[in-house]
Amino acid sequence: MANLTDILEKMRSNPGGLRFADLCKVCDHYFGQVRQSSGSHRVYKTPWTGDPRVSIQNSKGQAKAYQVKQVLKAIDRLEVEHAEQ
């Protein structure tokens, strides 16, 4: 299984080619335990309200590219806010 650094690199270079399990691993690391897992969506809590939201869904074992991009925006925002503290 790939480590977080490798997964993040793959997310940035090819958002459309990521396994859903890898995206879950990244989200669990950055945003903690999934807040809601009903139906096909996994929703994570963020320290802000509104966008970027972290809601992902499995598409036949793959992550959806637009959701990968949303997760990357959320991680970037999280890192900026953490650096400002």
PDB file of N, CA and C in Angstrom:
ATOM      1  N   MET A   1       0.846  -1.183   0.000  1.00  0.00           N
ATOM      2  CA  MET A   1       0.000   0.000   0.000  1.00  0.00           C
ATOM      3  C   MET A   1       0.889   1.242   0.000  1.00  0.00           C
ATOM      4  N   ALA A   2       0.506   2.216  -0.755  1.00  0.00           N
ATOM      5  CA  ALA A   2       1.290   3.441  -0.906  1.00  0.00           C
ATOM      6  C   ALA A   2       1.225   4.293   0.360  1.00  0.00           C
ATOM      7  N   ASN A   3       2.296   5.065   0.594  1.00  0.00           N
ATOM      8  CA  ASN A   3       2.268   5.961   1.742  1.00  0.00           C
ATOM      9  C   ASN A   3       1.620   7.286   1.345  1.00  0.00           C
ATOM     10  N   LEU A   4       1.342   8.122   2.331  1.00  0.00           N
ATOM     11  CA  LEU A   4       0.615   9.372   2.098  1.00  0.00           C
ATOM     12  C   LEU A   4       1.318  10.299   1.111  1.00  0.00           C
ATOM     13  N   THR A   5       2.628  10.395   1.198  1.00  0.00           N
ATOM     14  CA  THR A   5       3.374  11.274   0.299  1.00  0.00           C
ATOM     15  C   THR A   5       3.197  10.833  -1.150  1.00  0.00           C
ATOM     16  N   ASP A   6       3.288   9.541  -1.385  1.00  0.00           N
ATOM     17  CA  ASP A   6       3.116   9.027  -2.744  1.00  0.00           C
ATOM     18  C   ASP A   6       1.699   9.267  -3.255  1.00  0.00           C
ATOM     19  N   ILE A   7       0.715   9.062  -2.380  1.00  0.00           N
ATOM     20  CA  ILE A   7      -0.676   9.257  -2.777  1.00  0.00           C
ATOM     21  C   ILE A   7      -0.932  10.725  -3.110  1.00  0.00           C
ATOM     22  N   LEU A   8      -0.444  11.638  -2.264  1.00  0.00           N
ATOM     23  CA  LEU A   8      -0.634  13.072  -2.518  1.00  0.00           C
ATOM     24  C   LEU A   8       0.011  13.486  -3.830  1.00  0.00           C
ATOM     25  N   GLU A   9       1.184  12.956  -4.116  1.00  0.00           N
ATOM     26  CA  GLU A   9       1.864  13.259  -5.372  1.00  0.00           C
ATOM     27  C   GLU A   9       1.029  12.779  -6.559  1.00  0.00           C
ATOM     28  N   LYS A  10       0.477  11.586  -6.433  1.00  0.00           N
ATOM     29  CA  LYS A  10      -0.369  11.045  -7.499  1.00  0.00           C
ATOM     30  C   LYS A  10      -1.648  11.870  -7.648  1.00  0.00           C
ATOM     31  N   MET A  11      -2.217  12.314  -6.520  1.00  0.00           N
ATOM     32  CA  MET A  11      -3.431  13.139  -6.560  1.00  0.00           C
ATOM     33  C   MET A  11      -3.183  14.421  -7.340  1.00  0.00           C
ATOM     34  N   ARG A  12      -2.045  15.047  -7.104  1.00  0.00           N
ATOM     35  CA  ARG A  12      -1.733  16.317  -7.755  1.00  0.00           C
ATOM     36  C   ARG A  12      -1.403  16.135  -9.240  1.00  0.00           C
ATOM     37  N   SER A  13      -0.765  15.034  -9.585  1.00  0.00           N
ATOM     38  CA  SER A  13      -0.363  14.843 -10.982  1.00  0.00           C
ATOM     39  C   SER A  13      -1.472  14.242 -11.844  1.00  0.00           C
ATOM     40  N   ASN A  14      -2.351  13.434 -11.237  1.00  0.00           N
ATOM     41  CA  ASN A  14      -3.402  12.775 -12.022  1.00  0.00           C
ATOM     42  C   ASN A  14      -4.641  12.547 -11.148  1.00  0.00           C
ATOM     43  N   PRO A  15      -5.450  13.579 -10.945  1.00  0.00           N
ATOM     44  CA  PRO A  15      -6.624  13.446 -10.074  1.00  0.00           C
ATOM     45  C   PRO A  15      -7.629  12.413 -10.553  1.00  0.00           C
ATOM     46  N   GLY A  16      -7.621  12.102 -11.824  1.00  0.00           N
ATOM     47  CA  GLY A  16      -8.592  11.157 -12.359  1.00  0.00           C
ATOM     48  C   GLY A  16      -8.188   9.704 -12.246  1.00  0.00           C
ATOM     49  N   GLY A  17      -6.981   9.439 -11.803  1.00  0.00           N
ATOM     50  CA  GLY A  17      -6.509   8.054 -11.771  1.00  0.00           C
ATOM     51  C   GLY A  17      -6.222   7.537 -10.385  1.00  0.00           C
ATOM     52  N   LEU A  18      -7.026   7.925  -9.420  1.00  0.00           N
ATOM     53  CA  LEU A  18      -6.760   7.563  -8.025  1.00  0.00           C
ATOM     54  C   LEU A  18      -7.757   6.535  -7.529  1.00  0.00           C
ATOM     55  N   ARG A  19      -7.253   5.563  -6.804  1.00  0.00           N
ATOM     56  CA  ARG A  19      -8.141   4.582  -6.183  1.00  0.00           C
ATOM     57  C   ARG A  19      -8.907   5.224  -5.031  1.00  0.00           C
ATOM     58  N   PHE A  20     -10.148   4.823  -4.862  1.00  0.00           N
ATOM     59  CA  PHE A  20     -10.996   5.363  -3.795  1.00  0.00           C
ATOM     60  C   PHE A  20     -10.397   5.056  -2.420  1.00  0.00           C
ATOM     61  N   ALA A  21      -9.851   3.870  -2.254  1.00  0.00           N
ATOM     62  CA  ALA A  21      -9.253   3.485  -0.971  1.00  0.00           C
ATOM     63  C   ALA A  21      -8.099   4.415  -0.605  1.00  0.00           C
ATOM     64  N   ASP A  22      -7.326   4.847  -1.599  1.00  0.00           N
ATOM     65  CA  ASP A  22      -6.218   5.773  -1.333  1.00  0.00           C
ATOM     66  C   ASP A  22      -6.744   7.148  -0.926  1.00  0.00           C
ATOM     67  N   LEU A  23      -7.817   7.599  -1.575  1.00  0.00           N
ATOM     68  CA  LEU A  23      -8.402   8.883  -1.199  1.00  0.00           C
ATOM     69  C   LEU A  23      -8.958   8.820   0.227  1.00  0.00           C
ATOM     70  N   CYS A  24      -9.567   7.713   0.591  1.00  0.00           N
ATOM     71  CA  CYS A  24     -10.072   7.535   1.964  1.00  0.00           C
ATOM     72  C   CYS A  24      -8.926   7.607   2.974  1.00  0.00           C
ATOM     73  N   LYS A  25      -7.806   6.999   2.636  1.00  0.00           N
ATOM     74  CA  LYS A  25      -6.640   7.005   3.520  1.00  0.00           C
ATOM     75  C   LYS A  25      -6.156   8.438   3.776  1.00  0.00           C
ATOM     76  N   VAL A  26      -6.088   9.234   2.715  1.00  0.00           N
ATOM     77  CA  VAL A  26      -5.665  10.627   2.834  1.00  0.00           C
ATOM     78  C   VAL A  26      -6.663  11.423   3.675  1.00  0.00           C
ATOM     79  N   CYS A  27      -7.957  11.268   3.378  1.00  0.00           N
ATOM     80  CA  CYS A  27      -8.992  12.004   4.115  1.00  0.00           C
ATOM     81  C   CYS A  27      -9.008  11.629   5.586  1.00  0.00           C
ATOM     82  N   ASP A  28      -8.862  10.343   5.879  1.00  0.00           N
ATOM     83  CA  ASP A  28      -8.824   9.899   7.276  1.00  0.00           C
ATOM     84  C   ASP A  28      -7.649  10.535   8.016  1.00  0.00           C
ATOM     85  N   HIS A  29      -6.514  10.649   7.331  1.00  0.00           N
ATOM     86  CA  HIS A  29      -5.326  11.240   7.961  1.00  0.00           C
ATOM     87  C   HIS A  29      -5.518  12.731   8.244  1.00  0.00           C
ATOM     88  N   TYR A  30      -5.994  13.473   7.258  1.00  0.00           N
ATOM     89  CA  TYR A  30      -6.107  14.926   7.392  1.00  0.00           C
ATOM     90  C   TYR A  30      -7.352  15.396   8.130  1.00  0.00           C
ATOM     91  N   PHE A  31      -8.461  14.683   7.995  1.00  0.00           N
ATOM     92  CA  PHE A  31      -9.734  15.169   8.534  1.00  0.00           C
ATOM     93  C   PHE A  31     -10.329  14.287   9.621  1.00  0.00           C
ATOM     94  N   GLY A  32      -9.647  13.225   9.969  1.00  0.00           N
ATOM     95  CA  GLY A  32     -10.119  12.362  11.048  1.00  0.00           C
ATOM     96  C   GLY A  32     -11.180  11.382  10.582  1.00  0.00           C
ATOM     97  N   GLN A  33     -11.828  10.811  11.552  1.00  0.00           N
ATOM     98  CA  GLN A  33     -12.831   9.800  11.280  1.00  0.00           C
ATOM     99  C   GLN A  33     -13.975  10.383  10.455  1.00  0.00           C
ATOM    100  N   VAL A  34     -14.490   9.570   9.565  1.00  0.00           N
ATOM    101  CA  VAL A  34     -15.589  10.003   8.712  1.00  0.00           C
ATOM    102  C   VAL A  34     -16.789  10.385   9.577  1.00  0.00           C
ATOM    103  N   ARG A  35     -17.392  11.520   9.258  1.00  0.00           N
ATOM    104  CA  ARG A  35     -18.509  12.053  10.042  1.00  0.00           C
ATOM    105  C   ARG A  35     -19.802  11.375   9.640  1.00  0.00           C
ATOM    106  N   GLN A  36     -19.940  11.092   8.381  1.00  0.00           N
ATOM    107  CA  GLN A  36     -21.161  10.487   7.860  1.00  0.00           C
ATOM    108  C   GLN A  36     -20.773   9.528   6.751  1.00  0.00           C
ATOM    109  N   SER A  37     -21.345   8.354   6.788  1.00  0.00           N
ATOM    110  CA  SER A  37     -21.065   7.372   5.755  1.00  0.00           C
ATOM    111  C   SER A  37     -22.351   6.662   5.367  1.00  0.00           C
ATOM    112  N   SER A  38     -23.295   7.439   4.887  1.00  0.00           N
ATOM    113  CA  SER A  38     -24.564   6.839   4.476  1.00  0.00           C
ATOM    114  C   SER A  38     -24.631   6.817   2.959  1.00  0.00           C
ATOM    115  N   GLY A  39     -25.177   5.776   2.433  1.00  0.00           N
ATOM    116  CA  GLY A  39     -25.254   5.675   0.984  1.00  0.00           C
ATOM    117  C   GLY A  39     -23.875   5.528   0.382  1.00  0.00           C
ATOM    118  N   SER A  40     -23.645   6.228  -0.694  1.00  0.00           N
ATOM    119  CA  SER A  40     -22.373   6.096  -1.405  1.00  0.00           C
ATOM    120  C   SER A  40     -21.360   7.170  -1.017  1.00  0.00           C
ATOM    121  N   HIS A  41     -21.744   8.134  -0.190  1.00  0.00           N
ATOM    122  CA  HIS A  41     -20.851   9.243   0.167  1.00  0.00           C
ATOM    123  C   HIS A  41     -20.202   9.045   1.534  1.00  0.00           C
ATOM    124  N   ARG A  42     -18.976   9.524   1.629  1.00  0.00           N
ATOM    125  CA  ARG A  42     -18.276   9.643   2.913  1.00  0.00           C
ATOM    126  C   ARG A  42     -18.037  11.136   3.111  1.00  0.00           C
ATOM    127  N   VAL A  43     -18.537  11.677   4.220  1.00  0.00           N
ATOM    128  CA  VAL A  43     -18.435  13.104   4.488  1.00  0.00           C
ATOM    129  C   VAL A  43     -17.529  13.304   5.695  1.00  0.00           C
ATOM    130  N   TYR A  44     -16.567  14.210   5.550  1.00  0.00           N
ATOM    131  CA  TYR A  44     -15.620  14.516   6.620  1.00  0.00           C
ATOM    132  C   TYR A  44     -15.867  15.915   7.151  1.00  0.00           C
ATOM    133  N   LYS A  45     -15.591  16.098   8.427  1.00  0.00           N
ATOM    134  CA  LYS A  45     -15.754  17.408   9.059  1.00  0.00           C
ATOM    135  C   LYS A  45     -14.496  18.235   8.830  1.00  0.00           C
ATOM    136  N   THR A  46     -14.696  19.515   8.519  1.00  0.00           N
ATOM    137  CA  THR A  46     -13.586  20.451   8.373  1.00  0.00           C
ATOM    138  C   THR A  46     -13.734  21.544   9.421  1.00  0.00           C
ATOM    139  N   PRO A  47     -12.649  22.232   9.770  1.00  0.00           N
ATOM    140  CA  PRO A  47     -12.729  23.278  10.794  1.00  0.00           C
ATOM    141  C   PRO A  47     -13.363  24.571  10.299  1.00  0.00           C
ATOM    142  N   TRP A  48     -13.869  24.606   9.087  1.00  0.00           N
ATOM    143  CA  TRP A  48     -14.527  25.778   8.535  1.00  0.00           C
ATOM    144  C   TRP A  48     -15.897  25.358   7.999  1.00  0.00           C
ATOM    145  N   THR A  49     -16.734  26.347   7.759  1.00  0.00           N
ATOM    146  CA  THR A  49     -18.015  26.052   7.133  1.00  0.00           C
ATOM    147  C   THR A  49     -17.919  26.381   5.648  1.00  0.00           C
ATOM    148  N   GLY A  50     -18.674  25.693   4.858  1.00  0.00           N
ATOM    149  CA  GLY A  50     -18.683  25.965   3.426  1.00  0.00           C
ATOM    150  C   GLY A  50     -17.578  25.257   2.681  1.00  0.00           C
ATOM    151  N   ASP A  51     -17.265  25.797   1.513  1.00  0.00           N
ATOM    152  CA  ASP A  51     -16.292  25.160   0.621  1.00  0.00           C
ATOM    153  C   ASP A  51     -14.865  25.433   1.058  1.00  0.00           C
ATOM    154  N   PRO A  52     -13.911  24.587   0.758  1.00  0.00           N
ATOM    155  CA  PRO A  52     -14.117  23.316   0.082  1.00  0.00           C
ATOM    156  C   PRO A  52     -14.643  22.252   1.051  1.00  0.00           C
ATOM    157  N   ARG A  53     -15.701  21.615   0.650  1.00  0.00           N
ATOM    158  CA  ARG A  53     -16.270  20.519   1.429  1.00  0.00           C
ATOM    159  C   ARG A  53     -15.473  19.254   1.136  1.00  0.00           C
ATOM    160  N   VAL A  54     -15.546  18.327   2.062  1.00  0.00           N
ATOM    161  CA  VAL A  54     -14.883  17.056   1.850  1.00  0.00           C
ATOM    162  C   VAL A  54     -15.953  15.974   1.891  1.00  0.00           C
ATOM    163  N   SER A  55     -16.454  15.661   0.722  1.00  0.00           N
ATOM    164  CA  SER A  55     -17.457  14.627   0.537  1.00  0.00           C
ATOM    165  C   SER A  55     -17.017  13.809  -0.664  1.00  0.00           C
ATOM    166  N   ILE A  56     -16.746  12.539  -0.436  1.00  0.00           N
ATOM    167  CA  ILE A  56     -16.217  11.704  -1.505  1.00  0.00           C
ATOM    168  C   ILE A  56     -17.118  10.497  -1.714  1.00  0.00           C
ATOM    169  N   GLN A  57     -17.028   9.910  -2.894  1.00  0.00           N
ATOM    170  CA  GLN A  57     -17.813   8.722  -3.160  1.00  0.00           C
ATOM    171  C   GLN A  57     -17.047   7.765  -4.057  1.00  0.00           C
ATOM    172  N   ASN A  58     -17.353   6.487  -3.867  1.00  0.00           N
ATOM    173  CA  ASN A  58     -16.716   5.418  -4.607  1.00  0.00           C
ATOM    174  C   ASN A  58     -17.387   5.281  -5.969  1.00  0.00           C
ATOM    175  N   SER A  59     -16.584   5.280  -7.005  1.00  0.00           N
ATOM    176  CA  SER A  59     -17.095   5.098  -8.360  1.00  0.00           C
ATOM    177  C   SER A  59     -16.405   3.874  -8.966  1.00  0.00           C
ATOM    178  N   LYS A  60     -16.930   2.700  -8.634  1.00  0.00           N
ATOM    179  CA  LYS A  60     -16.372   1.430  -9.126  1.00  0.00           C
ATOM    180  C   LYS A  60     -14.907   1.275  -8.735  1.00  0.00           C
ATOM    181  N   GLY A  61     -14.591   1.624  -7.492  1.00  0.00           N
ATOM    182  CA  GLY A  61     -13.233   1.476  -6.985  1.00  0.00           C
ATOM    183  C   GLY A  61     -12.333   2.665  -7.229  1.00  0.00           C
ATOM    184  N   GLN A  62     -12.804   3.642  -7.988  1.00  0.00           N
ATOM    185  CA  GLN A  62     -12.020   4.825  -8.301  1.00  0.00           C
ATOM    186  C   GLN A  62     -12.616   6.054  -7.627  1.00  0.00           C
ATOM    187  N   ALA A  63     -11.768   7.038  -7.384  1.00  0.00           N
ATOM    188  CA  ALA A  63     -12.223   8.327  -6.848  1.00  0.00           C
ATOM    189  C   ALA A  63     -12.587   9.224  -8.017  1.00  0.00           C
ATOM    190  N   LYS A  64     -13.569  10.080  -7.819  1.00  0.00           N
ATOM    191  CA  LYS A  64     -13.960  11.027  -8.862  1.00  0.00           C
ATOM    192  C   LYS A  64     -12.969  12.186  -8.878  1.00  0.00           C
ATOM    193  N   ALA A  65     -12.536  12.577 -10.064  1.00  0.00           N
ATOM    194  CA  ALA A  65     -11.489  13.593 -10.219  1.00  0.00           C
ATOM    195  C   ALA A  65     -11.870  14.911  -9.563  1.00  0.00           C
ATOM    196  N   TYR A  66     -13.109  15.361  -9.714  1.00  0.00           N
ATOM    197  CA  TYR A  66     -13.485  16.646  -9.128  1.00  0.00           C
ATOM    198  C   TYR A  66     -13.467  16.579  -7.608  1.00  0.00           C
ATOM    199  N   GLN A  67     -13.737  15.417  -7.039  1.00  0.00           N
ATOM    200  CA  GLN A  67     -13.684  15.275  -5.582  1.00  0.00           C
ATOM    201  C   GLN A  67     -12.242  15.225  -5.089  1.00  0.00           C
ATOM    202  N   VAL A  68     -11.357  14.628  -5.870  1.00  0.00           N
ATOM    203  CA  VAL A  68      -9.929  14.633  -5.537  1.00  0.00           C
ATOM    204  C   VAL A  68      -9.424  16.074  -5.497  1.00  0.00           C
ATOM    205  N   LYS A  69      -9.843  16.885  -6.468  1.00  0.00           N
ATOM    206  CA  LYS A  69      -9.434  18.293  -6.502  1.00  0.00           C
ATOM    207  C   LYS A  69      -9.985  19.057  -5.299  1.00  0.00           C
ATOM    208  N   GLN A  70     -11.214  18.763  -4.888  1.00  0.00           N
ATOM    209  CA  GLN A  70     -11.792  19.402  -3.706  1.00  0.00           C
ATOM    210  C   GLN A  70     -11.007  19.025  -2.449  1.00  0.00           C
ATOM    211  N   VAL A  71     -10.624  17.768  -2.344  1.00  0.00           N
ATOM    212  CA  VAL A  71      -9.833  17.319  -1.189  1.00  0.00           C
ATOM    213  C   VAL A  71      -8.486  18.029  -1.176  1.00  0.00           C
ATOM    214  N   LEU A  72      -7.850  18.173  -2.323  1.00  0.00           N
ATOM    215  CA  LEU A  72      -6.566  18.885  -2.391  1.00  0.00           C
ATOM    216  C   LEU A  72      -6.713  20.335  -1.958  1.00  0.00           C
ATOM    217  N   LYS A  73      -7.802  21.000  -2.382  1.00  0.00           N
ATOM    218  CA  LYS A  73      -8.052  22.380  -1.942  1.00  0.00           C
ATOM    219  C   LYS A  73      -8.220  22.439  -0.436  1.00  0.00           C
ATOM    220  N   ALA A  74      -8.945  21.485   0.117  1.00  0.00           N
ATOM    221  CA  ALA A  74      -9.174  21.458   1.558  1.00  0.00           C
ATOM    222  C   ALA A  74      -7.864  21.213   2.313  1.00  0.00           C
ATOM    223  N   ILE A  75      -7.029  20.333   1.815  1.00  0.00           N
ATOM    224  CA  ILE A  75      -5.731  20.067   2.455  1.00  0.00           C
ATOM    225  C   ILE A  75      -4.868  21.318   2.388  1.00  0.00           C
ATOM    226  N   ASP A  76      -4.835  21.984   1.245  1.00  0.00           N
ATOM    227  CA  ASP A  76      -4.053  23.219   1.110  1.00  0.00           C
ATOM    228  C   ASP A  76      -4.540  24.276   2.096  1.00  0.00           C
ATOM    229  N   ARG A  77      -5.850  24.419   2.217  1.00  0.00           N
ATOM    230  CA  ARG A  77      -6.408  25.409   3.147  1.00  0.00           C
ATOM    231  C   ARG A  77      -6.074  25.038   4.589  1.00  0.00           C
ATOM    232  N   LEU A  78      -6.164  23.767   4.905  1.00  0.00           N
ATOM    233  CA  LEU A  78      -5.840  23.289   6.245  1.00  0.00           C
ATOM    234  C   LEU A  78      -4.389  23.593   6.595  1.00  0.00           C
ATOM    235  N   GLU A  79      -3.491  23.354   5.639  1.00  0.00           N
ATOM    236  CA  GLU A  79      -2.065  23.606   5.874  1.00  0.00           C
ATOM    237  C   GLU A  79      -1.782  25.096   6.025  1.00  0.00           C
ATOM    238  N   VAL A  80      -2.445  25.943   5.226  1.00  0.00           N
ATOM    239  CA  VAL A  80      -2.254  27.401   5.334  1.00  0.00           C
ATOM    240  C   VAL A  80      -2.740  27.889   6.693  1.00  0.00           C
ATOM    241  N   GLU A  81      -3.920  27.464   7.095  1.00  0.00           N
ATOM    242  CA  GLU A  81      -4.463  27.893   8.382  1.00  0.00           C
ATOM    243  C   GLU A  81      -3.623  27.390   9.545  1.00  0.00           C
ATOM    244  N   HIS A  82      -3.062  26.193   9.404  1.00  0.00           N
ATOM    245  CA  HIS A  82      -2.218  25.650  10.473  1.00  0.00           C
ATOM    246  C   HIS A  82      -0.903  26.421  10.557  1.00  0.00           C
ATOM    247  N   ALA A  83      -0.365  26.839   9.413  1.00  0.00           N
ATOM    248  CA  ALA A  83       0.893  27.593   9.380  1.00  0.00           C
ATOM    249  C   ALA A  83       0.732  28.983   9.974  1.00  0.00           C
ATOM    250  N   GLU A  84      -0.468  29.562   9.853  1.00  0.00           N
ATOM    251  CA  GLU A  84      -0.716  30.917  10.369  1.00  0.00           C
ATOM    252  C   GLU A  84      -0.850  30.936  11.890  1.00  0.00           C
ATOM    253  N   GLN A  85      -1.070  29.802  12.485  1.00  0.00           N
ATOM    254  CA  GLN A  85      -1.273  29.771  13.949  1.00  0.00           C
ATOM    255  C   GLN A  85       0.008  29.836  14.710  1.00  0.00           C
TER     256      GLN A  85
END
